[in-house]
Amino acid sequence: MSGRTPAFLVRSEPGPPYEITFDGRPVAALPGQTIAGALWSAGILAWRTTRGGGAPRGAFCGIGVCFDCLATVNGRPNQRACLLPARPGDAVTTQEGTGHDDLAV
């Protein structure tokens, strides 16, 4: 059974991996993967905290409905990681609360 990855099962031949970063640490991503998919593949399950209690959150629904997967990508907060395709060089950072904590509101 070894070697039977999802890519193998569907006879997928993705292009070569490229690098994105998560909180400054390199993460490999494959062409066509979302930010959430790349983070999951790297074993990263949480990339934001809730505004009320600081509880960790990551992907939940995987289709952009629940907003649990919000992340800061390339300095832009509140990006849905389950929908956003990863691009070479993307810088993903843990989003704290609303993502706008540095604003005086």
PDB file of N, CA and C in Angstrom:
ATOM      1  N   MET A   1       0.803  -1.199   0.000  1.00  0.00           N
ATOM      2  CA  MET A   1       0.000   0.000   0.000  1.00  0.00           C
ATOM      3  C   MET A   1       0.845   1.261   0.000  1.00  0.00           C
ATOM      4  N   SER A   2       2.124   1.170   0.307  1.00  0.00           N
ATOM      5  CA  SER A   2       2.945   2.372   0.318  1.00  0.00           C
ATOM      6  C   SER A   2       3.021   2.948  -1.090  1.00  0.00           C
ATOM      7  N   GLY A   3       3.109   4.261  -1.178  1.00  0.00           N
ATOM      8  CA  GLY A   3       3.161   4.929  -2.460  1.00  0.00           C
ATOM      9  C   GLY A   3       1.786   5.274  -3.017  1.00  0.00           C
ATOM     10  N   ARG A   4       0.735   4.861  -2.333  1.00  0.00           N
ATOM     11  CA  ARG A   4      -0.619   5.138  -2.817  1.00  0.00           C
ATOM     12  C   ARG A   4      -1.105   6.461  -2.240  1.00  0.00           C
ATOM     13  N   THR A   5      -0.524   7.543  -2.711  1.00  0.00           N
ATOM     14  CA  THR A   5      -0.929   8.871  -2.283  1.00  0.00           C
ATOM     15  C   THR A   5      -2.149   9.304  -3.089  1.00  0.00           C
ATOM     16  N   PRO A   6      -2.839  10.360  -2.653  1.00  0.00           N
ATOM     17  CA  PRO A   6      -3.959  10.852  -3.460  1.00  0.00           C
ATOM     18  C   PRO A   6      -3.534  11.199  -4.890  1.00  0.00           C
ATOM     19  N   ALA A   7      -2.365  11.808  -5.051  1.00  0.00           N
ATOM     20  CA  ALA A   7      -1.888  12.146  -6.399  1.00  0.00           C
ATOM     21  C   ALA A   7      -1.683  10.885  -7.232  1.00  0.00           C
ATOM     22  N   PHE A   8      -1.157   9.836  -6.626  1.00  0.00           N
ATOM     23  CA  PHE A   8      -0.955   8.574  -7.332  1.00  0.00           C
ATOM     24  C   PHE A   8      -2.294   7.977  -7.757  1.00  0.00           C
ATOM     25  N   LEU A   9      -3.262   7.996  -6.845  1.00  0.00           N
ATOM     26  CA  LEU A   9      -4.555   7.375  -7.118  1.00  0.00           C
ATOM     27  C   LEU A   9      -5.300   8.030  -8.282  1.00  0.00           C
ATOM     28  N   VAL A  10      -5.122   9.323  -8.470  1.00  0.00           N
ATOM     29  CA  VAL A  10      -5.801  10.007  -9.575  1.00  0.00           C
ATOM     30  C   VAL A  10      -4.866  10.232 -10.768  1.00  0.00           C
ATOM     31  N   ARG A  11      -3.695   9.614 -10.686  1.00  0.00           N
ATOM     32  CA  ARG A  11      -2.685   9.710 -11.750  1.00  0.00           C
ATOM     33  C   ARG A  11      -2.299  11.161 -12.044  1.00  0.00           C
ATOM     34  N   SER A  12      -2.222  11.945 -10.994  1.00  0.00           N
ATOM     35  CA  SER A  12      -1.840  13.347 -11.120  1.00  0.00           C
ATOM     36  C   SER A  12      -0.325  13.476 -11.213  1.00  0.00           C
ATOM     37  N   GLU A  13       0.111  14.371 -12.025  1.00  0.00           N
ATOM     38  CA  GLU A  13       1.538  14.654 -12.147  1.00  0.00           C
ATOM     39  C   GLU A  13       1.737  16.163 -12.006  1.00  0.00           C
ATOM     40  N   PRO A  14       1.695  16.660 -10.767  1.00  0.00           N
ATOM     41  CA  PRO A  14       1.849  18.105 -10.581  1.00  0.00           C
ATOM     42  C   PRO A  14       3.254  18.558 -10.950  1.00  0.00           C
ATOM     43  N   GLY A  15       3.361  19.838 -11.255  1.00  0.00           N
ATOM     44  CA  GLY A  15       4.670  20.408 -11.553  1.00  0.00           C
ATOM     45  C   GLY A  15       5.549  20.400 -10.315  1.00  0.00           C
ATOM     46  N   PRO A  16       6.752  20.890 -10.460  1.00  0.00           N
ATOM     47  CA  PRO A  16       7.675  20.883  -9.314  1.00  0.00           C
ATOM     48  C   PRO A  16       7.182  21.792  -8.189  1.00  0.00           C
ATOM     49  N   PRO A  17       7.484  21.414  -6.947  1.00  0.00           N
ATOM     50  CA  PRO A  17       7.053  22.242  -5.817  1.00  0.00           C
ATOM     51  C   PRO A  17       7.803  23.572  -5.797  1.00  0.00           C
ATOM     52  N   TYR A  18       7.201  24.529  -5.134  1.00  0.00           N
ATOM     53  CA  TYR A  18       7.839  25.821  -4.910  1.00  0.00           C
ATOM     54  C   TYR A  18       7.655  26.164  -3.439  1.00  0.00           C
ATOM     55  N   GLU A  19       8.246  27.263  -3.020  1.00  0.00           N
ATOM     56  CA  GLU A  19       8.247  27.598  -1.593  1.00  0.00           C
ATOM     57  C   GLU A  19       7.351  28.779  -1.277  1.00  0.00           C
ATOM     58  N   ILE A  20       6.590  28.623  -0.188  1.00  0.00           N
ATOM     59  CA  ILE A  20       5.920  29.737   0.461  1.00  0.00           C
ATOM     60  C   ILE A  20       6.466  29.755   1.885  1.00  0.00           C
ATOM     61  N   THR A  21       6.132  30.760   2.648  1.00  0.00           N
ATOM     62  CA  THR A  21       6.571  30.763   4.046  1.00  0.00           C
ATOM     63  C   THR A  21       5.358  30.895   4.957  1.00  0.00           C
ATOM     64  N   PHE A  22       5.483  30.289   6.133  1.00  0.00           N
ATOM     65  CA  PHE A  22       4.477  30.421   7.179  1.00  0.00           C
ATOM     66  C   PHE A  22       5.192  30.871   8.441  1.00  0.00           C
ATOM     67  N   ASP A  23       4.883  32.069   8.892  1.00  0.00           N
ATOM     68  CA  ASP A  23       5.545  32.661  10.052  1.00  0.00           C
ATOM     69  C   ASP A  23       7.066  32.570   9.907  1.00  0.00           C
ATOM     70  N   GLY A  24       7.547  32.809   8.694  1.00  0.00           N
ATOM     71  CA  GLY A  24       8.979  32.837   8.422  1.00  0.00           C
ATOM     72  C   GLY A  24       9.612  31.490   8.127  1.00  0.00           C
ATOM     73  N   ARG A  25       8.867  30.426   8.271  1.00  0.00           N
ATOM     74  CA  ARG A  25       9.425  29.092   8.041  1.00  0.00           C
ATOM     75  C   ARG A  25       9.029  28.601   6.642  1.00  0.00           C
ATOM     76  N   PRO A  26       9.962  28.007   5.901  1.00  0.00           N
ATOM     77  CA  PRO A  26       9.640  27.558   4.542  1.00  0.00           C
ATOM     78  C   PRO A  26       8.657  26.391   4.529  1.00  0.00           C
ATOM     79  N   VAL A  27       7.732  26.442   3.574  1.00  0.00           N
ATOM     80  CA  VAL A  27       6.724  25.396   3.385  1.00  0.00           C
ATOM     81  C   VAL A  27       6.669  25.102   1.888  1.00  0.00           C
ATOM     82  N   ALA A  28       6.702  23.830   1.529  1.00  0.00           N
ATOM     83  CA  ALA A  28       6.604  23.444   0.123  1.00  0.00           C
ATOM     84  C   ALA A  28       5.143  23.475  -0.313  1.00  0.00           C
ATOM     85  N   ALA A  29       4.906  23.961  -1.527  1.00  0.00           N
ATOM     86  CA  ALA A  29       3.566  23.971  -2.118  1.00  0.00           C
ATOM     87  C   ALA A  29       3.658  23.427  -3.533  1.00  0.00           C
ATOM     88  N   LEU A  30       2.595  22.788  -3.968  1.00  0.00           N
ATOM     89  CA  LEU A  30       2.529  22.254  -5.324  1.00  0.00           C
ATOM     90  C   LEU A  30       1.616  23.130  -6.180  1.00  0.00           C
ATOM     91  N   PRO A  31       1.881  23.206  -7.467  1.00  0.00           N
ATOM     92  CA  PRO A  31       0.988  23.971  -8.342  1.00  0.00           C
ATOM     93  C   PRO A  31      -0.455  23.485  -8.185  1.00  0.00           C
ATOM     94  N   GLY A  32      -1.372  24.435  -8.034  1.00  0.00           N
ATOM     95  CA  GLY A  32      -2.784  24.112  -7.880  1.00  0.00           C
ATOM     96  C   GLY A  32      -3.234  23.970  -6.443  1.00  0.00           C
ATOM     97  N   GLN A  33      -2.299  23.903  -5.500  1.00  0.00           N
ATOM     98  CA  GLN A  33      -2.684  23.777  -4.089  1.00  0.00           C
ATOM     99  C   GLN A  33      -3.141  25.125  -3.545  1.00  0.00           C
ATOM    100  N   THR A  34      -4.090  25.067  -2.635  1.00  0.00           N
ATOM    101  CA  THR A  34      -4.474  26.278  -1.920  1.00  0.00           C
ATOM    102  C   THR A  34      -3.474  26.501  -0.786  1.00  0.00           C
ATOM    103  N   ILE A  35      -3.543  27.687  -0.194  1.00  0.00           N
ATOM    104  CA  ILE A  35      -2.709  27.980   0.976  1.00  0.00           C
ATOM    105  C   ILE A  35      -2.994  26.942   2.060  1.00  0.00           C
ATOM    106  N   ALA A  36      -4.284  26.665   2.329  1.00  0.00           N
ATOM    107  CA  ALA A  36      -4.650  25.681   3.358  1.00  0.00           C
ATOM    108  C   ALA A  36      -4.091  24.307   3.017  1.00  0.00           C
ATOM    109  N   GLY A  37      -4.175  23.905   1.765  1.00  0.00           N
ATOM    110  CA  GLY A  37      -3.656  22.602   1.350  1.00  0.00           C
ATOM    111  C   GLY A  37      -2.165  22.487   1.576  1.00  0.00           C
ATOM    112  N   ALA A  38      -1.424  23.533   1.262  1.00  0.00           N
ATOM    113  CA  ALA A  38       0.023  23.520   1.468  1.00  0.00           C
ATOM    114  C   ALA A  38       0.359  23.459   2.957  1.00  0.00           C
ATOM    115  N   LEU A  39      -0.380  24.233   3.765  1.00  0.00           N
ATOM    116  CA  LEU A  39      -0.125  24.218   5.208  1.00  0.00           C
ATOM    117  C   LEU A  39      -0.471  22.855   5.796  1.00  0.00           C
ATOM    118  N   TRP A  40      -1.605  22.291   5.412  1.00  0.00           N
ATOM    119  CA  TRP A  40      -1.963  20.943   5.883  1.00  0.00           C
ATOM    120  C   TRP A  40      -0.892  19.937   5.511  1.00  0.00           C
ATOM    121  N   SER A  41      -0.420  19.996   4.280  1.00  0.00           N
ATOM    122  CA  SER A  41       0.611  19.051   3.818  1.00  0.00           C
ATOM    123  C   SER A  41       1.879  19.147   4.656  1.00  0.00           C
ATOM    124  N   ALA A  42       2.132  20.329   5.203  1.00  0.00           N
ATOM    125  CA  ALA A  42       3.311  20.541   6.044  1.00  0.00           C
ATOM    126  C   ALA A  42       3.029  20.226   7.514  1.00  0.00           C
ATOM    127  N   GLY A  43       1.813  19.760   7.808  1.00  0.00           N
ATOM    128  CA  GLY A  43       1.474  19.421   9.196  1.00  0.00           C
ATOM    129  C   GLY A  43       1.026  20.608  10.022  1.00  0.00           C
ATOM    130  N   ILE A  44       0.753  21.731   9.382  1.00  0.00           N
ATOM    131  CA  ILE A  44       0.306  22.939  10.090  1.00  0.00           C
ATOM    132  C   ILE A  44      -1.216  22.950  10.054  1.00  0.00           C
ATOM    133  N   LEU A  45      -1.835  22.891  11.215  1.00  0.00           N
ATOM    134  CA  LEU A  45      -3.286  22.768  11.288  1.00  0.00           C
ATOM    135  C   LEU A  45      -3.992  24.031  11.758  1.00  0.00           C
ATOM    136  N   ALA A  46      -3.268  25.006  12.291  1.00  0.00           N
ATOM    137  CA  ALA A  46      -3.882  26.253  12.764  1.00  0.00           C
ATOM    138  C   ALA A  46      -3.044  27.433  12.287  1.00  0.00           C
ATOM    139  N   TRP A  47      -3.724  28.465  11.788  1.00  0.00           N
ATOM    140  CA  TRP A  47      -3.011  29.658  11.314  1.00  0.00           C
ATOM    141  C   TRP A  47      -3.753  30.946  11.641  1.00  0.00           C
ATOM    142  N   ARG A  48      -4.657  30.879  12.586  1.00  0.00           N
ATOM    143  CA  ARG A  48      -5.268  32.093  13.130  1.00  0.00           C
ATOM    144  C   ARG A  48      -5.736  31.812  14.539  1.00  0.00           C
ATOM    145  N   THR A  49      -6.010  32.879  15.278  1.00  0.00           N
ATOM    146  CA  THR A  49      -6.590  32.749  16.605  1.00  0.00           C
ATOM    147  C   THR A  49      -7.890  33.534  16.644  1.00  0.00           C
ATOM    148  N   THR A  50      -8.807  33.099  17.497  1.00  0.00           N
ATOM    149  CA  THR A  50     -10.089  33.792  17.610  1.00  0.00           C
ATOM    150  C   THR A  50      -9.906  35.105  18.351  1.00  0.00           C
ATOM    151  N   ARG A  51     -10.780  36.052  18.056  1.00  0.00           N
ATOM    152  CA  ARG A  51     -10.648  37.364  18.693  1.00  0.00           C
ATOM    153  C   ARG A  51     -11.100  37.348  20.136  1.00  0.00           C
ATOM    154  N   GLY A  52     -12.018  36.437  20.494  1.00  0.00           N
ATOM    155  CA  GLY A  52     -12.527  36.407  21.857  1.00  0.00           C
ATOM    156  C   GLY A  52     -11.574  35.778  22.855  1.00  0.00           C
ATOM    157  N   GLY A  53     -11.091  34.594  22.570  1.00  0.00           N
ATOM    158  CA  GLY A  53     -10.273  33.896  23.543  1.00  0.00           C
ATOM    159  C   GLY A  53      -8.906  33.460  23.050  1.00  0.00           C
ATOM    160  N   GLY A  54      -8.588  33.771  21.807  1.00  0.00           N
ATOM    161  CA  GLY A  54      -7.277  33.389  21.279  1.00  0.00           C
ATOM    162  C   GLY A  54      -7.145  31.908  20.963  1.00  0.00           C
ATOM    163  N   ALA A  55      -8.280  31.227  20.753  1.00  0.00           N
ATOM    164  CA  ALA A  55      -8.251  29.794  20.430  1.00  0.00           C
ATOM    165  C   ALA A  55      -7.724  29.588  19.005  1.00  0.00           C
ATOM    166  N   PRO A  56      -6.936  28.540  18.789  1.00  0.00           N
ATOM    167  CA  PRO A  56      -6.393  28.303  17.450  1.00  0.00           C
ATOM    168  C   PRO A  56      -7.469  27.842  16.474  1.00  0.00           C
ATOM    169  N   ARG A  57      -7.328  28.265  15.226  1.00  0.00           N
ATOM    170  CA  ARG A  57      -8.247  27.863  14.161  1.00  0.00           C
ATOM    171  C   ARG A  57      -7.452  27.607  12.884  1.00  0.00           C
ATOM    172  N   GLY A  58      -8.015  26.741  12.042  1.00  0.00           N
ATOM    173  CA  GLY A  58      -7.453  26.444  10.723  1.00  0.00           C
ATOM    174  C   GLY A  58      -8.617  26.218   9.781  1.00  0.00           C
ATOM    175  N   ALA A  59      -8.490  25.274   8.880  1.00  0.00           N
ATOM    176  CA  ALA A  59      -9.583  24.982   7.956  1.00  0.00           C
ATOM    177  C   ALA A  59     -10.640  24.128   8.665  1.00  0.00           C
ATOM    178  N   PHE A  60     -11.886  24.402   8.386  1.00  0.00           N
ATOM    179  CA  PHE A  60     -12.980  23.610   8.939  1.00  0.00           C
ATOM    180  C   PHE A  60     -13.831  23.047   7.807  1.00  0.00           C
ATOM    181  N   CYS A  61     -14.464  23.933   7.038  1.00  0.00           N
ATOM    182  CA  CYS A  61     -15.354  23.446   5.981  1.00  0.00           C
ATOM    183  C   CYS A  61     -14.603  23.154   4.689  1.00  0.00           C
ATOM    184  N   GLY A  62     -13.533  23.883   4.421  1.00  0.00           N
ATOM    185  CA  GLY A  62     -12.743  23.665   3.210  1.00  0.00           C
ATOM    186  C   GLY A  62     -13.356  24.216   1.938  1.00  0.00           C
ATOM    187  N   ILE A  63     -14.488  24.939   2.037  1.00  0.00           N
ATOM    188  CA  ILE A  63     -15.122  25.487   0.837  1.00  0.00           C
ATOM    189  C   ILE A  63     -15.425  26.984   0.943  1.00  0.00           C
ATOM    190  N   GLY A  64     -14.845  27.653   1.935  1.00  0.00           N
ATOM    191  CA  GLY A  64     -14.979  29.094   2.040  1.00  0.00           C
ATOM    192  C   GLY A  64     -16.242  29.613   2.692  1.00  0.00           C
ATOM    193  N   VAL A  65     -16.991  28.757   3.360  1.00  0.00           N
ATOM    194  CA  VAL A  65     -18.251  29.177   3.961  1.00  0.00           C
ATOM    195  C   VAL A  65     -18.069  29.617   5.413  1.00  0.00           C
ATOM    196  N   CYS A  66     -17.236  28.927   6.169  1.00  0.00           N
ATOM    197  CA  CYS A  66     -17.199  29.140   7.621  1.00  0.00           C
ATOM    198  C   CYS A  66     -16.240  30.234   8.084  1.00  0.00           C
ATOM    199  N   PHE A  67     -15.268  30.606   7.293  1.00  0.00           N
ATOM    200  CA  PHE A  67     -14.289  31.647   7.613  1.00  0.00           C
ATOM    201  C   PHE A  67     -13.345  31.269   8.753  1.00  0.00           C
ATOM    202  N   ASP A  68     -13.270  30.003   9.125  1.00  0.00           N
ATOM    203  CA  ASP A  68     -12.293  29.590  10.138  1.00  0.00           C
ATOM    204  C   ASP A  68     -10.871  29.616   9.582  1.00  0.00           C
ATOM    205  N   CYS A  69     -10.715  29.589   8.281  1.00  0.00           N
ATOM    206  CA  CYS A  69      -9.390  29.460   7.673  1.00  0.00           C
ATOM    207  C   CYS A  69      -8.723  30.804   7.376  1.00  0.00           C
ATOM    208  N   LEU A  70      -9.250  31.897   7.898  1.00  0.00           N
ATOM    209  CA  LEU A  70      -8.679  33.204   7.591  1.00  0.00           C
ATOM    210  C   LEU A  70      -7.209  33.276   7.987  1.00  0.00           C
ATOM    211  N   ALA A  71      -6.427  33.873   7.111  1.00  0.00           N
ATOM    212  CA  ALA A  71      -4.990  34.035   7.360  1.00  0.00           C
ATOM    213  C   ALA A  71      -4.547  35.379   6.798  1.00  0.00           C
ATOM    214  N   THR A  72      -3.401  35.829   7.240  1.00  0.00           N
ATOM    215  CA  THR A  72      -2.786  37.008   6.660  1.00  0.00           C
ATOM    216  C   THR A  72      -1.812  36.522   5.602  1.00  0.00           C
ATOM    217  N   VAL A  73      -2.038  36.929   4.352  1.00  0.00           N
ATOM    218  CA  VAL A  73      -1.200  36.496   3.229  1.00  0.00           C
ATOM    219  C   VAL A  73      -0.620  37.732   2.552  1.00  0.00           C
ATOM    220  N   ASN A  74       0.688  37.775   2.495  1.00  0.00           N
ATOM    221  CA  ASN A  74       1.397  38.913   1.896  1.00  0.00           C
ATOM    222  C   ASN A  74       0.948  40.240   2.501  1.00  0.00           C
ATOM    223  N   GLY A  75       0.736  40.225   3.823  1.00  0.00           N
ATOM    224  CA  GLY A  75       0.360  41.438   4.547  1.00  0.00           C
ATOM    225  C   GLY A  75      -1.122  41.771   4.506  1.00  0.00           C
ATOM    226  N   ARG A  76      -1.927  41.010   3.783  1.00  0.00           N
ATOM    227  CA  ARG A  76      -3.366  41.259   3.690  1.00  0.00           C
ATOM    228  C   ARG A  76      -4.113  40.315   4.634  1.00  0.00           C
ATOM    229  N   PRO A  77      -4.771  40.858   5.664  1.00  0.00           N
ATOM    230  CA  PRO A  77      -5.500  39.995   6.601  1.00  0.00           C
ATOM    231  C   PRO A  77      -6.795  39.472   5.992  1.00  0.00           C
ATOM    232  N   ASN A  78      -7.369  38.478   6.665  1.00  0.00           N
ATOM    233  CA  ASN A  78      -8.688  37.938   6.343  1.00  0.00           C
ATOM    234  C   ASN A  78      -8.781  37.293   4.963  1.00  0.00           C
ATOM    235  N   GLN A  79      -7.726  36.613   4.549  1.00  0.00           N
ATOM    236  CA  GLN A  79      -7.747  35.863   3.296  1.00  0.00           C
ATOM    237  C   GLN A  79      -8.182  34.435   3.593  1.00  0.00           C
ATOM    238  N   ARG A  80      -9.151  33.923   2.848  1.00  0.00           N
ATOM    239  CA  ARG A  80      -9.627  32.552   3.058  1.00  0.00           C
ATOM    240  C   ARG A  80      -8.623  31.565   2.466  1.00  0.00           C
ATOM    241  N   ALA A  81      -7.858  30.942   3.342  1.00  0.00           N
ATOM    242  CA  ALA A  81      -6.762  30.060   2.920  1.00  0.00           C
ATOM    243  C   ALA A  81      -7.249  28.833   2.171  1.00  0.00           C
ATOM    244  N   CYS A  82      -8.493  28.429   2.393  1.00  0.00           N
ATOM    245  CA  CYS A  82      -9.010  27.243   1.700  1.00  0.00           C
ATOM    246  C   CYS A  82      -9.373  27.541   0.256  1.00  0.00           C
ATOM    247  N   LEU A  83      -9.495  28.805  -0.109  1.00  0.00           N
ATOM    248  CA  LEU A  83      -9.848  29.187  -1.474  1.00  0.00           C
ATOM    249  C   LEU A  83      -8.697  29.832  -2.240  1.00  0.00           C
ATOM    250  N   LEU A  84      -7.740  30.391  -1.530  1.00  0.00           N
ATOM    251  CA  LEU A  84      -6.667  31.164  -2.156  1.00  0.00           C
ATOM    252  C   LEU A  84      -5.554  30.260  -2.666  1.00  0.00           C
ATOM    253  N   PRO A  85      -5.308  30.246  -3.981  1.00  0.00           N
ATOM    254  CA  PRO A  85      -4.217  29.422  -4.504  1.00  0.00           C
ATOM    255  C   PRO A  85      -2.868  29.918  -3.981  1.00  0.00           C
ATOM    256  N   ALA A  86      -2.024  28.993  -3.597  1.00  0.00           N
ATOM    257  CA  ALA A  86      -0.670  29.349  -3.172  1.00  0.00           C
ATOM    258  C   ALA A  86       0.122  29.775  -4.400  1.00  0.00           C
ATOM    259  N   ARG A  87       0.945  30.809  -4.231  1.00  0.00           N
ATOM    260  CA  ARG A  87       1.820  31.269  -5.311  1.00  0.00           C
ATOM    261  C   ARG A  87       3.243  31.282  -4.796  1.00  0.00           C
ATOM    262  N   PRO A  88       4.206  31.037  -5.670  1.00  0.00           N
ATOM    263  CA  PRO A  88       5.597  31.044  -5.218  1.00  0.00           C
ATOM    264  C   PRO A  88       5.930  32.345  -4.480  1.00  0.00           C
ATOM    265  N   GLY A  89       6.543  32.192  -3.308  1.00  0.00           N
ATOM    266  CA  GLY A  89       6.965  33.348  -2.534  1.00  0.00           C
ATOM    267  C   GLY A  89       5.919  33.926  -1.607  1.00  0.00           C
ATOM    268  N   ASP A  90       4.696  33.383  -1.580  1.00  0.00           N
ATOM    269  CA  ASP A  90       3.678  33.899  -0.669  1.00  0.00           C
ATOM    270  C   ASP A  90       4.186  33.848   0.768  1.00  0.00           C
ATOM    271  N   ALA A  91       3.901  34.911   1.520  1.00  0.00           N
ATOM    272  CA  ALA A  91       4.259  34.970   2.938  1.00  0.00           C
ATOM    273  C   ALA A  91       2.969  34.913   3.749  1.00  0.00           C
ATOM    274  N   VAL A  92       2.762  33.793   4.427  1.00  0.00           N
ATOM    275  CA  VAL A  92       1.565  33.578   5.239  1.00  0.00           C
ATOM    276  C   VAL A  92       1.971  33.743   6.697  1.00  0.00           C
ATOM    277  N   THR A  93       1.177  34.519   7.440  1.00  0.00           N
ATOM    278  CA  THR A  93       1.457  34.693   8.865  1.00  0.00           C
ATOM    279  C   THR A  93       0.201  34.384   9.666  1.00  0.00           C
ATOM    280  N   THR A  94       0.409  33.942  10.894  1.00  0.00           N
ATOM    281  CA  THR A  94      -0.709  33.678  11.790  1.00  0.00           C
ATOM    282  C   THR A  94      -1.494  34.955  11.986  1.00  0.00           C
ATOM    283  N   GLN A  95      -2.791  34.869  11.812  1.00  0.00           N
ATOM    284  CA  GLN A  95      -3.653  36.028  12.009  1.00  0.00           C
ATOM    285  C   GLN A  95      -4.163  36.011  13.440  1.00  0.00           C
ATOM    286  N   GLU A  96      -3.903  37.081  14.148  1.00  0.00           N
ATOM    287  CA  GLU A  96      -4.362  37.222  15.531  1.00  0.00           C
ATOM    288  C   GLU A  96      -5.691  37.964  15.545  1.00  0.00           C
ATOM    289  N   GLY A  97      -6.712  37.345  16.117  1.00  0.00           N
ATOM    290  CA  GLY A  97      -8.021  37.995  16.234  1.00  0.00           C
ATOM    291  C   GLY A  97      -8.608  38.374  14.892  1.00  0.00           C
ATOM    292  N   THR A  98      -8.979  39.659  14.748  1.00  0.00           N
ATOM    293  CA  THR A  98      -9.626  40.137  13.524  1.00  0.00           C
ATOM    294  C   THR A  98      -8.645  40.394  12.393  1.00  0.00           C
ATOM    295  N   GLY A  99      -7.362  40.406  12.697  1.00  0.00           N
ATOM    296  CA  GLY A  99      -6.383  40.734  11.682  1.00  0.00           C
ATOM    297  C   GLY A  99      -6.121  42.222  11.585  1.00  0.00           C
ATOM    298  N   HIS A 100      -6.880  42.993  12.352  1.00  0.00           N
ATOM    299  CA  HIS A 100      -6.750  44.447  12.331  1.00  0.00           C
ATOM    300  C   HIS A 100      -6.411  44.976  13.717  1.00  0.00           C
ATOM    301  N   ASP A 101      -5.724  44.203  14.529  1.00  0.00           N
ATOM    302  CA  ASP A 101      -5.453  44.604  15.903  1.00  0.00           C
ATOM    303  C   ASP A 101      -4.591  45.861  16.008  1.00  0.00           C
ATOM    304  N   ASP A 102      -3.850  46.167  14.942  1.00  0.00           N
ATOM    305  CA  ASP A 102      -2.989  47.342  15.004  1.00  0.00           C
ATOM    306  C   ASP A 102      -3.747  48.623  14.648  1.00  0.00           C
ATOM    307  N   LEU A 103      -5.027  48.525  14.280  1.00  0.00           N
ATOM    308  CA  LEU A 103      -5.823  49.681  13.938  1.00  0.00           C
ATOM    309  C   LEU A 103      -6.541  50.206  15.178  1.00  0.00           C
ATOM    310  N   ALA A 104      -6.656  51.500  15.247  1.00  0.00           N
ATOM    311  CA  ALA A 104      -7.379  52.124  16.362  1.00  0.00           C
ATOM    312  C   ALA A 104      -8.846  52.228  15.981  1.00  0.00           C
ATOM    313  N   VAL A 105      -9.625  51.210  16.316  1.00  0.00           N
ATOM    314  CA  VAL A 105     -11.062  51.227  16.014  1.00  0.00           C
ATOM    315  C   VAL A 105     -11.869  51.071  17.272  1.00  0.00           C
TER     316      VAL A 105
END
